């Protein structure tokens, strides 16, 4: 009976926690770091699951560095070098590029570096399934 009572208390909390998990949805098309850093900081501070799903390009890939991140198999992640703003929009920026590299685990960092993904401004794509299977990121639980 105590076990049943404990489950009745724990299960709603687990369900509520999963329902509150943040996602990459509103960041899918990338953007400037000022848009991303508060969400990254919040995800890391809360410890809540952060789901990368769907289309995730450019600075959206910074969420791979969130401590409790998961990736959906159906996600598509698009990588490119960091760049400047305004007249420098088409100039690779070493600091921005390094920030992205620092967010990736060692396996992914080696791969994108070896294949020039962050040495050009054009997108290079990696599927969520590959991010999970080859680079060791956690797969998201179903239903979120």
N, C-alpha and C. Protein backbone atom coordinates (compact mmCIF):
# COMPACT_ATOMS: atom_id res chain seq x y z
N UNK A 1 0.82 -1.20 0.00
CA UNK A 1 0.00 0.00 0.00
C UNK A 1 0.86 1.26 0.00
N UNK A 2 1.98 1.24 0.77
CA UNK A 2 2.88 2.39 0.79
C UNK A 2 3.49 2.61 -0.59
N UNK A 3 3.78 1.52 -1.28
CA UNK A 3 4.36 1.62 -2.62
C UNK A 3 3.39 2.30 -3.57
N UNK A 4 2.13 1.93 -3.52
CA UNK A 4 1.11 2.54 -4.38
C UNK A 4 0.98 4.02 -4.06
N UNK A 5 0.95 4.37 -2.80
CA UNK A 5 0.84 5.78 -2.40
C UNK A 5 2.04 6.57 -2.89
N UNK A 6 3.22 5.99 -2.80
CA UNK A 6 4.43 6.67 -3.27
C UNK A 6 4.37 6.89 -4.78
N UNK A 7 3.89 5.91 -5.52
CA UNK A 7 3.77 6.05 -6.96
C UNK A 7 2.78 7.14 -7.34
N UNK A 8 1.71 7.25 -6.58
CA UNK A 8 0.71 8.28 -6.87
C UNK A 8 1.29 9.67 -6.68
N UNK A 9 2.28 9.80 -5.84
CA UNK A 9 2.93 11.08 -5.63
C UNK A 9 4.01 11.32 -6.70
N UNK A 10 4.78 10.30 -7.02
CA UNK A 10 5.91 10.44 -7.93
C UNK A 10 5.47 10.55 -9.39
N UNK A 11 4.54 9.74 -9.83
CA UNK A 11 4.15 9.73 -11.24
C UNK A 11 3.66 11.08 -11.76
N UNK A 12 2.79 11.79 -11.05
CA UNK A 12 2.40 13.11 -11.57
C UNK A 12 3.59 14.05 -11.68
N UNK A 13 4.53 13.97 -10.76
CA UNK A 13 5.70 14.84 -10.82
C UNK A 13 6.55 14.51 -12.04
N UNK A 14 6.72 13.23 -12.35
CA UNK A 14 7.49 12.84 -13.52
C UNK A 14 6.78 13.29 -14.78
N UNK A 15 5.49 13.10 -14.87
CA UNK A 15 4.72 13.51 -16.03
C UNK A 15 4.79 15.02 -16.21
N UNK A 16 4.66 15.77 -15.11
CA UNK A 16 4.71 17.22 -15.17
C UNK A 16 6.08 17.67 -15.65
N UNK A 17 7.13 17.03 -15.14
CA UNK A 17 8.49 17.38 -15.51
C UNK A 17 8.72 17.16 -17.01
N UNK A 18 8.28 16.03 -17.53
CA UNK A 18 8.44 15.74 -18.95
C UNK A 18 7.65 16.72 -19.80
N UNK A 19 6.47 17.10 -19.33
CA UNK A 19 5.63 18.03 -20.08
C UNK A 19 6.26 19.42 -20.15
N UNK A 20 7.07 19.76 -19.14
CA UNK A 20 7.69 21.07 -19.10
C UNK A 20 8.99 21.13 -19.87
N UNK A 21 9.48 20.03 -20.36
CA UNK A 21 10.76 20.01 -21.06
C UNK A 21 10.75 21.02 -22.19
N UNK A 22 11.81 21.81 -22.27
CA UNK A 22 11.91 22.81 -23.33
C UNK A 22 12.37 22.11 -24.61
N UNK A 23 12.16 22.77 -25.73
CA UNK A 23 12.53 22.20 -27.03
C UNK A 23 13.26 23.24 -27.87
N UNK A 24 13.85 22.77 -28.92
CA UNK A 24 14.56 23.64 -29.87
C UNK A 24 13.59 24.33 -30.84
N UNK A 25 12.32 24.04 -30.76
CA UNK A 25 11.36 24.50 -31.76
C UNK A 25 11.46 25.99 -32.08
N UNK A 26 11.46 26.84 -31.08
CA UNK A 26 11.44 28.28 -31.34
C UNK A 26 12.80 28.83 -31.78
N UNK A 27 13.82 27.97 -31.78
CA UNK A 27 15.17 28.37 -32.17
C UNK A 27 15.61 27.70 -33.48
N UNK A 28 14.71 27.02 -34.13
CA UNK A 28 15.02 26.13 -35.26
C UNK A 28 15.83 26.79 -36.36
N UNK A 29 15.55 28.06 -36.65
CA UNK A 29 16.19 28.71 -37.79
C UNK A 29 17.48 29.44 -37.43
N UNK A 30 17.96 29.24 -36.21
CA UNK A 30 19.21 29.88 -35.80
C UNK A 30 18.98 31.32 -35.38
N UNK A 31 20.04 32.09 -35.37
CA UNK A 31 19.96 33.48 -34.94
C UNK A 31 21.21 33.84 -34.15
N UNK A 32 21.16 34.97 -33.50
CA UNK A 32 22.32 35.48 -32.77
C UNK A 32 22.38 34.91 -31.35
N UNK A 33 23.57 34.88 -30.80
CA UNK A 33 23.83 34.27 -29.50
C UNK A 33 22.96 34.88 -28.39
N UNK A 34 22.64 36.16 -28.48
CA UNK A 34 21.82 36.81 -27.45
C UNK A 34 20.45 36.14 -27.30
N UNK A 35 19.98 35.54 -28.35
CA UNK A 35 18.70 34.82 -28.34
C UNK A 35 18.86 33.44 -27.68
N UNK A 36 20.03 32.85 -27.81
CA UNK A 36 20.26 31.47 -27.39
C UNK A 36 20.79 31.34 -25.96
N UNK A 37 21.71 32.22 -25.59
CA UNK A 37 22.38 32.04 -24.30
C UNK A 37 21.43 32.01 -23.11
N UNK A 38 20.41 32.87 -23.05
CA UNK A 38 19.48 32.77 -21.91
C UNK A 38 18.77 31.41 -21.84
N UNK A 39 18.39 30.86 -22.99
CA UNK A 39 17.71 29.55 -23.00
C UNK A 39 18.68 28.45 -22.60
N UNK A 40 19.93 28.53 -23.04
CA UNK A 40 20.94 27.55 -22.66
C UNK A 40 21.18 27.62 -21.16
N UNK A 41 21.35 28.83 -20.65
CA UNK A 41 21.58 29.01 -19.21
C UNK A 41 20.41 28.49 -18.39
N UNK A 42 19.18 28.77 -18.84
CA UNK A 42 17.98 28.31 -18.12
C UNK A 42 17.90 26.78 -18.13
N UNK A 43 18.16 26.18 -19.29
CA UNK A 43 18.10 24.72 -19.38
C UNK A 43 19.14 24.08 -18.46
N UNK A 44 20.34 24.64 -18.43
CA UNK A 44 21.39 24.09 -17.57
C UNK A 44 21.08 24.31 -16.09
N UNK A 45 20.51 25.46 -15.76
CA UNK A 45 20.18 25.75 -14.36
C UNK A 45 19.05 24.87 -13.85
N UNK A 46 18.05 24.62 -14.69
CA UNK A 46 16.89 23.83 -14.26
C UNK A 46 17.20 22.34 -14.21
N UNK A 47 18.09 21.90 -15.08
CA UNK A 47 18.37 20.47 -15.18
C UNK A 47 17.28 19.70 -15.91
N UNK A 48 16.24 20.40 -16.34
CA UNK A 48 15.15 19.76 -17.07
C UNK A 48 15.65 19.26 -18.43
N UNK A 49 15.00 18.25 -18.94
CA UNK A 49 15.33 17.72 -20.25
C UNK A 49 15.11 18.79 -21.31
N UNK A 50 16.05 18.93 -22.23
CA UNK A 50 15.92 19.84 -23.36
C UNK A 50 15.95 19.00 -24.63
N UNK A 51 14.89 19.08 -25.42
CA UNK A 51 14.72 18.24 -26.61
C UNK A 51 15.10 19.01 -27.88
N UNK A 52 16.01 18.41 -28.65
CA UNK A 52 16.29 18.92 -29.99
C UNK A 52 15.44 18.08 -30.92
N UNK A 53 14.56 18.78 -31.66
CA UNK A 53 13.66 18.06 -32.56
C UNK A 53 13.43 18.89 -33.81
N UNK A 54 13.01 18.20 -34.85
CA UNK A 54 12.72 18.88 -36.11
C UNK A 54 13.97 19.48 -36.72
N UNK A 55 13.79 20.63 -37.34
CA UNK A 55 14.86 21.36 -38.01
C UNK A 55 15.62 22.17 -36.97
N UNK A 56 16.95 22.10 -36.96
CA UNK A 56 17.77 22.82 -35.98
C UNK A 56 19.05 23.26 -36.69
N UNK A 57 19.13 24.55 -37.03
CA UNK A 57 20.27 25.02 -37.81
C UNK A 57 21.08 26.07 -37.06
N UNK A 58 22.34 26.15 -37.43
CA UNK A 58 23.22 27.21 -36.97
C UNK A 58 23.35 27.22 -35.45
N UNK A 59 23.09 28.35 -34.79
CA UNK A 59 23.24 28.43 -33.33
C UNK A 59 22.29 27.50 -32.59
N UNK A 60 21.28 27.00 -33.24
CA UNK A 60 20.40 26.01 -32.61
C UNK A 60 21.20 24.79 -32.16
N UNK A 61 22.28 24.49 -32.91
CA UNK A 61 23.11 23.33 -32.55
C UNK A 61 23.86 23.54 -31.23
N UNK A 62 23.89 24.78 -30.72
CA UNK A 62 24.49 25.03 -29.41
C UNK A 62 23.78 24.26 -28.30
N UNK A 63 22.52 23.91 -28.53
CA UNK A 63 21.78 23.15 -27.51
C UNK A 63 22.35 21.76 -27.31
N UNK A 64 23.20 21.29 -28.22
CA UNK A 64 23.88 20.01 -27.99
C UNK A 64 24.77 20.08 -26.75
N UNK A 65 25.11 21.28 -26.31
CA UNK A 65 25.93 21.46 -25.13
C UNK A 65 25.16 21.55 -23.83
N UNK A 66 23.84 21.53 -23.88
CA UNK A 66 23.03 21.55 -22.66
C UNK A 66 23.27 20.25 -21.90
N UNK A 67 23.42 20.34 -20.60
CA UNK A 67 23.82 19.15 -19.83
C UNK A 67 22.79 18.03 -19.84
N UNK A 68 21.51 18.34 -19.99
CA UNK A 68 20.48 17.31 -20.04
C UNK A 68 19.73 17.40 -21.38
N UNK A 69 20.49 17.30 -22.45
CA UNK A 69 19.91 17.39 -23.79
C UNK A 69 19.60 15.99 -24.31
N UNK A 70 18.57 15.92 -25.13
CA UNK A 70 18.30 14.70 -25.89
C UNK A 70 17.99 15.13 -27.32
N UNK A 71 18.13 14.19 -28.22
CA UNK A 71 17.91 14.46 -29.64
C UNK A 71 16.89 13.46 -30.16
N UNK A 72 15.92 13.93 -30.91
CA UNK A 72 14.97 13.02 -31.56
C UNK A 72 15.60 12.48 -32.83
N UNK A 73 15.37 11.21 -33.09
CA UNK A 73 15.93 10.56 -34.28
C UNK A 73 15.53 11.29 -35.56
N UNK A 74 14.34 11.85 -35.58
CA UNK A 74 13.84 12.51 -36.78
C UNK A 74 14.37 13.94 -36.96
N UNK A 75 15.15 14.43 -36.02
CA UNK A 75 15.69 15.79 -36.12
C UNK A 75 16.69 15.88 -37.26
N UNK A 76 16.86 17.10 -37.74
CA UNK A 76 17.87 17.41 -38.76
C UNK A 76 18.67 18.60 -38.24
N UNK A 77 19.97 18.41 -38.05
CA UNK A 77 20.84 19.47 -37.54
C UNK A 77 21.72 19.97 -38.67
N UNK A 78 21.79 21.29 -38.82
CA UNK A 78 22.54 21.91 -39.90
C UNK A 78 23.65 22.77 -39.30
N UNK A 79 24.88 22.51 -39.73
CA UNK A 79 26.08 23.14 -39.18
C UNK A 79 26.74 24.05 -40.20
N UNK A 80 27.34 25.13 -39.72
CA UNK A 80 28.17 26.01 -40.55
C UNK A 80 29.07 26.82 -39.64
N UNK A 81 30.05 27.49 -40.21
CA UNK A 81 30.96 28.34 -39.44
C UNK A 81 30.19 29.53 -38.87
N UNK A 82 30.66 30.00 -37.72
CA UNK A 82 30.11 31.25 -37.18
C UNK A 82 30.54 32.41 -38.06
N UNK A 83 29.72 33.46 -38.08
CA UNK A 83 30.05 34.60 -38.94
C UNK A 83 29.72 35.90 -38.25
N UNK A 84 30.19 36.99 -38.85
CA UNK A 84 29.96 38.32 -38.31
C UNK A 84 28.58 38.85 -38.66
N UNK A 85 28.37 40.10 -38.33
CA UNK A 85 27.10 40.77 -38.58
C UNK A 85 27.28 41.91 -39.58
N UNK A 86 26.17 42.39 -40.07
CA UNK A 86 26.21 43.54 -40.98
C UNK A 86 27.12 43.28 -42.16
N UNK A 87 28.10 44.20 -42.37
CA UNK A 87 28.99 44.03 -43.52
C UNK A 87 29.88 42.79 -43.40
N UNK A 88 29.99 42.22 -42.19
CA UNK A 88 30.79 41.02 -41.98
C UNK A 88 29.95 39.74 -41.99
N UNK A 89 28.74 39.84 -42.48
CA UNK A 89 27.81 38.70 -42.51
C UNK A 89 28.39 37.50 -43.26
N UNK A 90 29.22 37.76 -44.22
CA UNK A 90 29.78 36.68 -45.03
C UNK A 90 31.26 36.44 -44.73
N UNK A 91 31.66 36.84 -43.50
CA UNK A 91 33.04 36.64 -43.05
C UNK A 91 33.00 35.69 -41.85
N UNK A 92 33.75 34.61 -41.93
CA UNK A 92 33.79 33.65 -40.82
C UNK A 92 34.40 34.32 -39.60
N UNK A 93 33.76 34.11 -38.45
CA UNK A 93 34.21 34.67 -37.19
C UNK A 93 34.74 33.54 -36.31
N UNK A 94 36.01 33.58 -35.99
CA UNK A 94 36.66 32.50 -35.24
C UNK A 94 36.05 32.31 -33.85
N UNK A 95 35.70 33.38 -33.17
CA UNK A 95 35.12 33.26 -31.82
C UNK A 95 33.75 32.59 -31.85
N UNK A 96 32.93 32.98 -32.80
CA UNK A 96 31.59 32.37 -32.93
C UNK A 96 31.71 30.90 -33.30
N UNK A 97 32.64 30.60 -34.18
CA UNK A 97 32.85 29.22 -34.59
C UNK A 97 33.34 28.39 -33.41
N UNK A 98 34.27 28.93 -32.63
CA UNK A 98 34.78 28.21 -31.47
C UNK A 98 33.69 27.97 -30.44
N UNK A 99 32.78 28.93 -30.26
CA UNK A 99 31.67 28.77 -29.31
C UNK A 99 30.83 27.56 -29.71
N UNK A 100 30.58 27.41 -31.00
CA UNK A 100 29.81 26.25 -31.46
C UNK A 100 30.59 24.96 -31.20
N UNK A 101 31.85 24.94 -31.57
CA UNK A 101 32.66 23.74 -31.35
C UNK A 101 32.69 23.35 -29.87
N UNK A 102 32.78 24.33 -29.00
CA UNK A 102 32.82 24.05 -27.56
C UNK A 102 31.54 23.42 -27.04
N UNK A 103 30.44 23.61 -27.75
CA UNK A 103 29.16 23.06 -27.32
C UNK A 103 29.01 21.58 -27.68
N UNK A 104 29.84 21.08 -28.59
CA UNK A 104 29.70 19.71 -29.07
C UNK A 104 30.58 18.76 -28.26
N UNK A 105 30.16 17.52 -28.16
CA UNK A 105 31.00 16.53 -27.50
C UNK A 105 32.23 16.25 -28.36
N UNK A 106 33.21 15.57 -27.80
CA UNK A 106 34.50 15.37 -28.48
C UNK A 106 34.35 14.66 -29.83
N UNK A 107 33.51 13.65 -29.88
CA UNK A 107 33.34 12.90 -31.14
C UNK A 107 32.77 13.77 -32.25
N UNK A 108 31.72 14.53 -31.92
CA UNK A 108 31.11 15.40 -32.93
C UNK A 108 32.08 16.52 -33.31
N UNK A 109 32.76 17.08 -32.33
CA UNK A 109 33.72 18.15 -32.60
C UNK A 109 34.81 17.66 -33.58
N UNK A 110 35.35 16.48 -33.35
CA UNK A 110 36.35 15.92 -34.26
C UNK A 110 35.78 15.74 -35.67
N UNK A 111 34.55 15.21 -35.73
CA UNK A 111 33.93 14.94 -37.03
C UNK A 111 33.70 16.23 -37.83
N UNK A 112 33.06 17.21 -37.21
CA UNK A 112 32.75 18.44 -37.96
C UNK A 112 34.02 19.19 -38.34
N UNK A 113 35.05 19.08 -37.50
CA UNK A 113 36.33 19.71 -37.82
C UNK A 113 37.01 18.98 -38.98
N UNK A 114 37.08 17.66 -38.89
CA UNK A 114 37.75 16.87 -39.94
C UNK A 114 37.05 17.01 -41.29
N UNK A 115 35.75 17.24 -41.28
CA UNK A 115 34.99 17.32 -42.53
C UNK A 115 34.69 18.75 -42.97
N UNK A 116 35.27 19.73 -42.29
CA UNK A 116 35.15 21.12 -42.70
C UNK A 116 33.78 21.74 -42.51
N UNK A 117 32.94 21.15 -41.67
CA UNK A 117 31.59 21.68 -41.47
C UNK A 117 31.59 23.09 -40.90
N UNK A 118 32.57 23.42 -40.07
CA UNK A 118 32.62 24.75 -39.47
C UNK A 118 33.72 25.61 -40.08
N UNK A 119 34.13 25.26 -41.28
CA UNK A 119 35.12 26.05 -42.01
C UNK A 119 34.49 26.74 -43.21
N UNK A 120 33.16 26.63 -43.32
CA UNK A 120 32.45 27.24 -44.45
C UNK A 120 31.10 27.76 -43.96
N UNK A 121 30.53 28.68 -44.72
CA UNK A 121 29.25 29.28 -44.34
C UNK A 121 28.05 28.48 -44.85
N UNK A 122 28.27 27.59 -45.80
CA UNK A 122 27.19 26.74 -46.31
C UNK A 122 26.86 25.67 -45.28
N UNK A 123 25.61 25.27 -45.26
CA UNK A 123 25.16 24.25 -44.31
C UNK A 123 25.65 22.86 -44.67
N UNK A 124 25.98 22.11 -43.65
CA UNK A 124 26.23 20.67 -43.74
C UNK A 124 25.28 20.02 -42.75
N UNK A 125 24.65 18.94 -43.16
CA UNK A 125 23.55 18.35 -42.40
C UNK A 125 23.95 17.01 -41.77
N UNK A 126 23.48 16.82 -40.54
CA UNK A 126 23.61 15.52 -39.86
C UNK A 126 22.24 15.19 -39.28
N UNK A 127 21.78 13.97 -39.51
CA UNK A 127 20.47 13.56 -38.99
C UNK A 127 20.54 13.34 -37.48
N UNK A 128 19.39 13.47 -36.84
CA UNK A 128 19.30 13.18 -35.41
C UNK A 128 19.70 11.75 -35.11
N UNK A 129 19.30 10.82 -35.96
CA UNK A 129 19.66 9.41 -35.76
C UNK A 129 21.17 9.24 -35.73
N UNK A 130 21.84 9.92 -36.61
CA UNK A 130 23.30 9.83 -36.66
C UNK A 130 23.94 10.51 -35.45
N UNK A 131 23.37 11.63 -35.02
CA UNK A 131 23.88 12.33 -33.82
C UNK A 131 23.82 11.37 -32.63
N UNK A 132 22.76 10.58 -32.55
CA UNK A 132 22.59 9.62 -31.46
C UNK A 132 23.52 8.42 -31.64
N UNK A 133 23.44 7.78 -32.79
CA UNK A 133 24.15 6.52 -33.02
C UNK A 133 25.67 6.66 -33.16
N UNK A 134 26.11 7.69 -33.86
CA UNK A 134 27.56 7.82 -34.10
C UNK A 134 28.27 8.72 -33.11
N UNK A 135 27.55 9.70 -32.57
CA UNK A 135 28.22 10.70 -31.74
C UNK A 135 27.84 10.61 -30.27
N UNK A 136 26.97 9.67 -29.93
CA UNK A 136 26.70 9.35 -28.53
C UNK A 136 25.77 10.26 -27.78
N UNK A 137 24.97 11.05 -28.46
CA UNK A 137 24.00 11.89 -27.76
C UNK A 137 22.81 11.04 -27.33
N UNK A 138 22.18 11.45 -26.26
CA UNK A 138 21.03 10.73 -25.71
C UNK A 138 19.81 10.89 -26.62
N UNK A 139 19.12 9.77 -26.86
CA UNK A 139 17.89 9.81 -27.64
C UNK A 139 16.75 10.26 -26.72
N UNK A 140 15.89 11.12 -27.25
CA UNK A 140 14.74 11.58 -26.47
C UNK A 140 13.76 10.45 -26.21
N UNK A 141 13.15 10.44 -25.04
CA UNK A 141 12.09 9.48 -24.80
C UNK A 141 10.91 9.78 -25.70
N UNK A 142 10.18 8.79 -26.04
CA UNK A 142 9.00 8.97 -26.92
C UNK A 142 7.93 9.77 -26.19
N UNK A 143 7.14 10.48 -27.01
CA UNK A 143 5.96 11.14 -26.47
C UNK A 143 6.19 12.54 -25.90
N UNK A 144 7.24 13.21 -26.28
CA UNK A 144 7.47 14.54 -25.72
C UNK A 144 7.44 15.56 -26.74
